[in-house]
Protein backbone atom coordinates (compact mmCIF):
# COMPACT_ATOMS: atom_id res chain seq x y z
CA UNK A 1 -22.84 9.35 -15.70
CA UNK A 2 -21.50 5.82 -15.64
CA UNK A 3 -17.85 5.85 -16.64
CA UNK A 4 -16.43 3.57 -19.27
CA UNK A 5 -14.56 1.42 -16.75
CA UNK A 6 -17.68 0.98 -14.57
CA UNK A 7 -21.05 -0.51 -15.41
CA UNK A 8 -24.44 -0.21 -13.79
CA UNK A 9 -24.48 -3.92 -12.95
CA UNK A 10 -20.96 -4.14 -11.51
CA UNK A 11 -17.93 -2.03 -10.81
CA UNK A 12 -15.97 -3.12 -13.89
CA UNK A 13 -16.99 -3.74 -17.47
CA UNK A 14 -16.09 -6.95 -19.26
CA UNK A 15 -13.08 -5.43 -21.09
CA UNK A 16 -11.71 -4.27 -17.74
CA UNK A 17 -12.05 -7.78 -16.31
CA UNK A 18 -10.20 -9.14 -19.34
CA UNK A 19 -7.46 -6.54 -18.85
CA UNK A 20 -7.17 -7.50 -15.17
CA UNK A 21 -6.89 -11.17 -16.08
CA UNK A 22 -4.27 -10.45 -18.75
CA UNK A 23 -2.19 -8.30 -16.41
CA UNK A 24 -2.40 -10.97 -13.70
CA UNK A 25 -1.18 -13.70 -16.04
CA UNK A 26 1.58 -11.47 -17.41
CA UNK A 27 2.74 -10.53 -13.92
CA UNK A 28 2.70 -14.17 -12.77
CA UNK A 29 4.98 -15.10 -15.66
CA UNK A 30 7.73 -12.66 -14.63
CA UNK A 31 9.25 -14.70 -11.77
CA UNK A 32 8.68 -17.92 -13.71
CA UNK A 33 10.67 -16.54 -16.65
CA UNK A 34 13.38 -15.49 -14.22
CA UNK A 35 13.65 -19.09 -12.99
CA UNK A 36 13.10 -20.92 -16.27
CA UNK A 37 15.44 -19.01 -18.59
CA UNK A 38 19.12 -18.35 -18.07
CA UNK A 39 20.54 -14.85 -18.12
CA UNK A 40 21.12 -13.75 -21.69
CA UNK A 41 18.09 -15.62 -23.03
CA UNK A 42 15.56 -13.50 -24.88
CA UNK A 43 12.78 -14.49 -22.44
CA UNK A 44 14.84 -14.08 -19.28
CA UNK A 45 13.47 -11.57 -16.76
CA UNK A 46 16.08 -10.12 -14.44
CA UNK A 47 15.91 -10.49 -10.67
CA UNK A 48 15.94 -6.69 -10.45
CA UNK A 49 12.76 -6.46 -12.55
CA UNK A 50 11.02 -9.09 -10.43
CA UNK A 51 11.95 -7.26 -7.22
CA UNK A 52 10.92 -3.89 -8.66
CA UNK A 53 7.49 -5.07 -9.84
CA UNK A 54 6.99 -6.88 -6.52
CA UNK A 55 7.69 -3.63 -4.68
CA UNK A 56 5.27 -1.75 -6.94
CA UNK A 57 2.54 -4.30 -6.19
CA UNK A 58 3.01 -3.67 -2.46
CA UNK A 59 2.59 0.05 -3.12
CA UNK A 60 -0.49 -0.71 -5.25
CA UNK A 61 -2.05 -2.65 -2.37
CA UNK A 62 -1.46 0.32 -0.05
CA UNK A 63 -2.97 2.68 -2.65
CA UNK A 64 -6.03 0.44 -2.96
CA UNK A 65 -6.42 0.53 0.82
CA UNK A 66 -6.27 4.32 0.80
CA UNK A 67 -8.84 4.49 -1.99
CA UNK A 68 -11.37 2.74 0.24
CA UNK A 69 -11.21 5.51 2.84
CA UNK A 70 -10.55 8.49 0.59
CA UNK A 71 -12.16 7.60 -2.72
CA UNK A 72 -15.26 5.88 -1.36
CA UNK A 73 -15.71 7.33 2.13
CA UNK A 74 -14.27 10.80 1.67
CA UNK A 75 -11.74 10.49 4.50
CA UNK A 76 -8.40 11.93 3.38
CA UNK A 77 -5.61 10.30 5.38
CA UNK A 78 -2.09 11.72 5.34
CA UNK A 79 -0.84 9.07 7.74
CA UNK A 80 -1.26 5.72 6.03
CA UNK A 81 2.50 5.35 5.89
CA UNK A 82 2.51 4.47 9.59
CA UNK A 83 0.24 1.45 9.02
CA UNK A 84 2.41 0.31 6.12
CA UNK A 85 5.57 0.63 8.22
CA UNK A 86 4.10 -1.08 11.28
CA UNK A 87 3.17 -4.11 9.20
CA UNK A 88 6.70 -4.13 7.79
CA UNK A 89 8.25 -3.86 11.25
CA UNK A 90 6.06 -6.68 12.58
CA UNK A 91 7.31 -9.00 9.84
CA UNK A 92 10.81 -7.58 10.19
CA UNK A 93 10.94 -8.68 13.83
CA UNK A 94 10.56 -12.29 12.72
CA UNK A 95 13.13 -11.86 9.96
CA UNK A 96 15.62 -10.39 12.46
CA UNK A 97 15.07 -13.30 14.84
CA UNK A 98 15.56 -15.72 11.94
CA UNK A 99 19.09 -14.38 11.41
CA UNK A 100 20.13 -16.17 14.61
CA UNK A 101 23.88 -16.08 15.17
CA UNK A 102 24.66 -15.36 11.51
CA UNK A 103 24.97 -11.64 12.14
CA UNK A 104 28.18 -9.63 12.28
CA UNK A 105 28.62 -10.23 16.02
CA UNK A 106 27.51 -13.90 15.92
CA UNK A 107 25.09 -13.30 18.76
CA UNK A 108 21.54 -14.51 19.23
CA UNK A 109 20.58 -10.84 19.49
CA UNK A 110 20.31 -8.61 16.42
CA UNK A 111 23.45 -6.66 15.63
CA UNK A 112 21.95 -3.31 16.62
CA UNK A 113 21.11 -4.65 20.09
CA UNK A 114 24.63 -5.99 20.53
CA UNK A 115 26.07 -2.65 19.41
CA UNK A 116 23.92 -0.86 22.01
CA UNK A 117 25.04 -3.36 24.67
CA UNK A 118 21.62 -4.87 25.19
CA UNK A 119 21.73 -8.15 27.10
CA UNK A 120 18.34 -9.55 26.24
CA UNK A 121 15.30 -8.89 24.10
CA UNK A 122 12.74 -6.38 25.42
CA UNK A 123 9.40 -7.83 26.50
CA UNK A 124 7.58 -6.80 23.33
CA UNK A 125 9.91 -9.01 21.28
CA UNK A 126 8.55 -12.11 23.03
CA UNK A 127 7.34 -14.89 20.69
CA UNK A 128 8.59 -13.01 17.62
CA UNK A 129 10.69 -16.01 16.67
CA UNK A 130 7.40 -17.60 15.61
CA UNK A 131 6.26 -16.75 12.09
CA UNK A 132 2.56 -17.17 12.89
CA UNK A 133 2.81 -14.75 15.81
CA UNK A 134 4.43 -12.03 13.73
CA UNK A 135 1.84 -12.52 10.99
CA UNK A 136 -0.83 -11.94 13.65
CA UNK A 137 1.00 -8.74 14.65
CA UNK A 138 0.99 -7.62 11.01
CA UNK A 139 -2.81 -7.52 11.19
CA UNK A 140 -3.40 -6.65 14.85
CA UNK A 141 -0.94 -3.81 15.40
CA UNK A 142 -2.03 -1.54 12.50
CA UNK A 143 -5.65 -2.60 13.00
CA UNK A 144 -5.66 -1.82 16.73
CA UNK A 145 -3.92 1.52 16.26
CA UNK A 146 -6.39 2.48 13.54
CA UNK A 147 -9.38 1.36 15.60
CA UNK A 148 -8.37 3.33 18.72
CA UNK A 149 -7.28 6.41 16.77
CA UNK A 150 -10.34 6.30 14.52
CA UNK A 151 -12.80 5.74 17.37
CA UNK A 152 -11.79 8.88 19.22
CA UNK A 153 -11.39 10.95 16.06
CA UNK A 154 -14.70 9.93 14.48
CA UNK A 155 -16.59 10.08 17.78
CA UNK A 156 -15.36 13.66 18.16
CA UNK A 157 -16.68 14.44 14.65
CA UNK A 158 -13.22 15.41 13.42
CA UNK A 159 -13.29 15.51 9.64
CA UNK A 160 -11.92 17.23 6.58
CA UNK A 161 -8.59 19.00 6.75
CA UNK A 162 -8.45 18.68 10.54
CA UNK A 163 -8.55 14.90 10.32
CA UNK A 164 -5.88 14.94 7.62
CA UNK A 165 -3.62 17.06 9.83
CA UNK A 166 -3.89 14.80 12.88
CA UNK A 167 -3.18 11.71 10.77
CA UNK A 168 -0.05 13.42 9.52
CA UNK A 169 0.88 14.31 13.09
CA UNK A 170 0.36 10.66 14.08
CA UNK A 171 2.75 9.28 11.48
CA UNK A 172 5.32 11.97 12.28
CA UNK A 173 5.15 11.11 15.98
CA UNK A 174 5.69 7.41 15.25
CA UNK A 175 8.60 8.24 12.96
CA UNK A 176 10.32 10.19 15.73
CA UNK A 177 9.64 7.38 18.19
CA UNK A 178 11.12 4.70 15.94
CA UNK A 179 14.18 6.84 15.20
CA UNK A 180 15.19 6.51 18.86
CA UNK A 181 17.71 3.76 19.51
CA UNK A 182 16.23 2.94 22.92
CA UNK A 183 12.86 2.05 21.33
CA UNK A 184 14.28 -1.34 20.35
CA UNK A 185 13.61 -1.23 16.60
CA UNK A 186 17.05 -0.43 15.23
CA UNK A 187 16.86 3.36 15.34
CA UNK A 188 17.52 5.18 12.08
CA UNK A 189 18.99 2.03 10.48
CA UNK A 190 15.87 -0.04 11.15
CA UNK A 191 15.94 -3.74 10.22
CA UNK A 192 18.06 -5.13 7.42
CA UNK A 193 20.53 -7.89 6.48
CA UNK A 194 17.82 -10.55 6.51
CA UNK A 195 19.01 -14.11 5.88
CA UNK A 196 16.11 -16.56 5.81
CA UNK A 197 12.33 -16.80 5.90
CA UNK A 198 10.77 -20.04 7.12
CA UNK A 199 14.15 -21.72 6.70
CA UNK A 200 14.63 -20.65 3.08
CA UNK A 201 17.25 -18.19 1.87
CA UNK A 202 15.54 -14.86 1.39
CA UNK A 203 17.73 -14.00 -1.61
CA UNK A 204 17.16 -17.30 -3.45
CA UNK A 205 15.34 -16.84 -6.80
CA UNK A 206 12.72 -19.44 -5.81
CA UNK A 207 11.98 -17.60 -2.55
CA UNK A 208 11.74 -14.31 -4.42
CA UNK A 209 9.32 -15.91 -6.86
CA UNK A 210 7.08 -17.17 -4.05
CA UNK A 211 7.06 -13.75 -2.37
CA UNK A 212 6.22 -12.13 -5.71
CA UNK A 213 3.33 -14.51 -6.39
CA UNK A 214 2.01 -14.08 -2.84
CA UNK A 215 2.01 -10.31 -3.32
CA UNK A 216 0.17 -10.68 -6.61
CA UNK A 217 -2.39 -13.00 -4.99
CA UNK A 218 -2.99 -10.58 -2.10
CA UNK A 219 -3.36 -7.64 -4.47
CA UNK A 220 -5.89 -9.50 -6.63
CA UNK A 221 -7.80 -10.76 -3.56
CA UNK A 222 -7.88 -7.24 -2.09
CA UNK A 223 -9.18 -5.82 -5.38
CA UNK A 224 -11.97 -8.41 -5.56
CA UNK A 225 -12.78 -7.97 -1.86
CA UNK A 226 -12.86 -4.18 -2.14
CA UNK A 227 -15.14 -4.46 -5.17
CA UNK A 228 -17.51 -6.67 -3.18
CA UNK A 229 -17.58 -4.12 -0.36
CA UNK A 230 -18.25 -1.05 -2.50
CA UNK A 231 -21.00 -2.87 -4.45
CA UNK A 232 -22.78 -3.95 -1.25
CA UNK A 233 -25.19 -2.00 0.94
CA UNK A 234 -22.22 -1.21 3.16
CA UNK A 235 -20.46 0.35 0.19
CA UNK A 236 -23.48 2.52 -0.59
CA UNK A 237 -23.53 3.73 2.99
CA UNK A 238 -19.82 4.54 2.81
CA UNK A 239 -20.43 6.57 -0.33
CA UNK A 240 -23.28 8.26 1.50
CA UNK A 241 -20.79 9.29 4.19
CA UNK A 242 -18.60 10.76 1.47
CA UNK A 243 -21.38 12.61 -0.34
CA UNK A 244 -23.48 13.87 2.59
CA UNK A 245 -22.84 12.59 6.09
CA UNK A 246 -25.50 14.87 7.58
CA UNK A 247 -28.18 13.46 5.26
CA UNK A 248 -27.10 9.93 6.15
CA UNK A 249 -27.53 10.71 9.85
CA UNK A 250 -30.96 12.17 9.12
CA UNK A 251 -31.91 8.81 7.57
CA UNK A 252 -31.05 7.06 10.84
CA UNK A 253 -27.52 5.78 10.22
CA UNK A 254 -24.68 6.23 12.68
CA UNK A 255 -21.63 7.00 10.49
CA UNK A 256 -19.18 6.27 13.33
CA UNK A 257 -19.13 2.49 12.94
CA UNK A 258 -19.13 2.52 9.16
CA UNK A 259 -16.20 4.92 9.06
CA UNK A 260 -14.41 2.98 11.77
CA UNK A 261 -14.83 -0.29 9.89
CA UNK A 262 -13.43 0.94 6.57
CA UNK A 263 -10.67 2.92 8.33
CA UNK A 264 -9.52 -0.17 10.27
CA UNK A 265 -9.79 -2.43 7.22
CA UNK A 266 -7.72 0.04 5.21
CA UNK A 267 -5.04 0.08 7.92
CA UNK A 268 -4.90 -3.73 7.97
CA UNK A 269 -4.48 -3.86 4.19
CA UNK A 270 -1.65 -1.33 4.47
CA UNK A 271 -0.03 -3.46 7.17
CA UNK A 272 -0.20 -6.52 4.92
CA UNK A 273 1.33 -4.49 2.09
CA UNK A 274 4.19 -3.52 4.40
CA UNK A 275 4.70 -7.11 5.49
CA UNK A 276 4.99 -8.21 1.86
CA UNK A 277 7.28 -5.27 1.10
CA UNK A 278 10.00 -5.85 3.70
CA UNK A 279 11.34 -9.27 2.60
CA UNK A 280 11.38 -8.23 -1.07
CA UNK A 281 13.13 -4.91 -0.51
CA UNK A 282 15.33 -6.18 2.32
CA UNK A 283 15.06 -3.21 4.67
CA UNK A 284 12.60 -1.26 6.78
CA UNK A 285 13.47 1.91 8.67
CA UNK A 286 11.55 4.86 10.18
CA UNK A 287 11.77 6.88 6.98
CA UNK A 288 8.84 4.79 5.70
CA UNK A 289 6.74 6.61 8.32
CA UNK A 290 7.69 10.07 7.08
CA UNK A 291 4.75 12.34 6.20
CA UNK A 292 6.18 12.63 2.68
CA UNK A 293 5.63 8.91 2.09
CA UNK A 294 2.00 9.16 3.17
CA UNK A 295 1.51 12.15 0.87
CA UNK A 296 3.00 10.12 -2.00
CA UNK A 297 0.30 7.49 -1.40
CA UNK A 298 -2.32 10.21 -1.87
CA UNK A 299 -0.62 11.20 -5.13
CA UNK A 300 -0.79 7.59 -6.37
CA UNK A 301 -4.54 7.51 -5.78
CA UNK A 302 -5.14 10.95 -7.26
CA UNK A 303 -3.09 10.26 -10.39
CA UNK A 304 -4.84 6.97 -11.11
CA UNK A 305 -8.32 8.14 -10.21
CA UNK A 306 -9.84 7.91 -6.75
CA UNK A 307 -13.06 6.05 -6.19
CA UNK A 308 -12.30 3.53 -8.95
CA UNK A 309 -10.20 0.78 -7.26
CA UNK A 310 -8.31 0.16 -10.51
CA UNK A 311 -7.11 3.77 -10.68
CA UNK A 312 -4.97 3.70 -7.50
CA UNK A 313 -3.24 0.53 -8.68
CA UNK A 314 -2.50 2.16 -12.03
CA UNK A 315 -1.37 5.33 -10.28
CA UNK A 316 0.98 3.46 -7.93
CA UNK A 317 2.70 1.76 -10.86
CA UNK A 318 2.85 4.95 -12.94
CA UNK A 319 4.20 7.27 -10.23
CA UNK A 320 6.71 4.78 -8.87
CA UNK A 321 7.84 3.91 -12.36
CA UNK A 322 8.53 7.60 -12.96
CA UNK A 323 10.25 7.81 -9.58
CA UNK A 324 12.55 4.91 -10.43
CA UNK A 325 13.52 6.58 -13.69
CA UNK A 326 13.97 10.06 -12.21
CA UNK A 327 15.99 8.90 -9.19
CA UNK A 328 18.37 7.11 -11.57
CA UNK A 329 18.61 9.72 -14.33
CA UNK A 330 17.77 13.04 -12.64
CA UNK A 331 17.61 12.42 -8.88
CA UNK A 332 17.67 16.11 -7.92
CA UNK A 333 14.54 16.79 -9.99
CA UNK A 334 12.25 14.06 -8.69
CA UNK A 335 10.53 16.08 -5.96
CA UNK A 336 9.89 18.92 -8.40
CA UNK A 337 8.45 16.46 -10.91
CA UNK A 338 6.23 14.92 -8.23
CA UNK A 339 4.94 18.32 -7.18
CA UNK A 340 4.27 19.31 -10.78
CA UNK A 341 2.47 16.02 -11.39
CA UNK A 342 0.19 16.59 -8.40
CA UNK A 343 -0.57 20.16 -9.52
CA UNK A 344 -1.44 19.00 -13.04
CA UNK A 345 -3.71 16.27 -11.70
CA UNK A 346 -5.41 18.66 -9.27
CA UNK A 347 -6.04 21.34 -11.91
CA UNK A 348 -6.65 19.36 -15.10
CA UNK A 349 -7.17 15.68 -14.21
CA UNK A 350 -9.41 15.71 -11.15
CA UNK A 351 -10.69 12.22 -12.03
CA UNK A 352 -7.17 10.93 -12.65
CA UNK A 353 -5.86 8.90 -15.55
CA UNK A 354 -8.98 6.74 -15.74
CA UNK A 355 -11.13 9.86 -15.89
CA UNK A 356 -9.13 11.16 -18.85
CA UNK A 357 -9.39 7.82 -20.65
CA UNK A 358 -13.12 7.78 -20.01
CA UNK A 359 -13.57 11.27 -21.47
CA UNK A 360 -11.56 10.36 -24.56
CA UNK A 361 -13.66 7.24 -25.08
CA UNK A 362 -16.92 9.19 -24.72
CA UNK A 363 -15.71 11.78 -27.24
CA UNK A 364 -14.78 9.03 -29.67
CA UNK A 365 -18.17 7.36 -29.30
CA UNK A 366 -19.93 10.71 -29.74
CA UNK A 367 -17.87 11.46 -32.88
CA UNK A 368 -18.72 8.06 -34.38
CA UNK A 369 -22.40 8.58 -33.59
CA UNK A 370 -22.34 12.06 -35.15
CA UNK A 371 -20.72 10.70 -38.33
CA UNK A 372 -23.28 7.91 -38.53
CA UNK A 373 -26.11 10.43 -38.17
């Protein structure tokens, strides 16, 4: 049955498009209100709120990327945190180079390299003083890792829980690697204390506003692009992989390249989300690669409603909003609350929040029709 947020002609109904437009305009106003109105004014939006919503949008972009592989292709990844972190580290390398001699030790090397008595940058830091180069790394590093990993995994017909386990093993291995000081990425402290981006102070309200609006633009573009993919013939093939890969092969399709395409695209989107995340949050360390973070991404998608595109975005905002409240008010209870939330969704809300809203709307329509009859 066609759900209330989807139509037969397109993925979203007209009211959903209007809601998307309204939310986009409202979000775009937040940094503008922060700049235009002084603190204490009724319309002033705090810098904390702008940074928090900007961070949530980065998480929403990562959730949308995961929905493409899990919701529409049936590939459950428990390792998307590594793609997110690699994109953040790629951008972080430029931000660390941009500090120059303004660090604690007033050296051209980052403080962690000076502390470890490094004399020069390792070879893989070459050209990272160039913004364009690091932006290329944001796309290429997660994309190449996903392509190579996915090629061998999909060619070997690894699927289901076995694929989920090896993706979790992958992100755990990268986390351990990046925790090492001799890897050259700051060890357990990672990258932080950023000063400028493209010559502008990274803490300036105007810079924060630009970063916020860029994140919003990327999230909206990714949503529209993902919609175009899932509505196309390619999208129907991906859903065929999810529903019955054996039947798809019987019809003459080779699922390998379709799965590899969406898997790599999803990794690239996660890398971009990480790159947008690091200058707004101000830090990136190996904990972002922890398996728990990747599992949280799955929870975002499940809570919102997988296979809907809008659902993962809603889930990312909802879960992280609850996390922000719990970690401030009841920090020791957050993990229990997260586990309970996932159990409730798994048992009673298998279609997520959007599925529940859809059922309520159908019941209301049926009740109105029954009264009219």
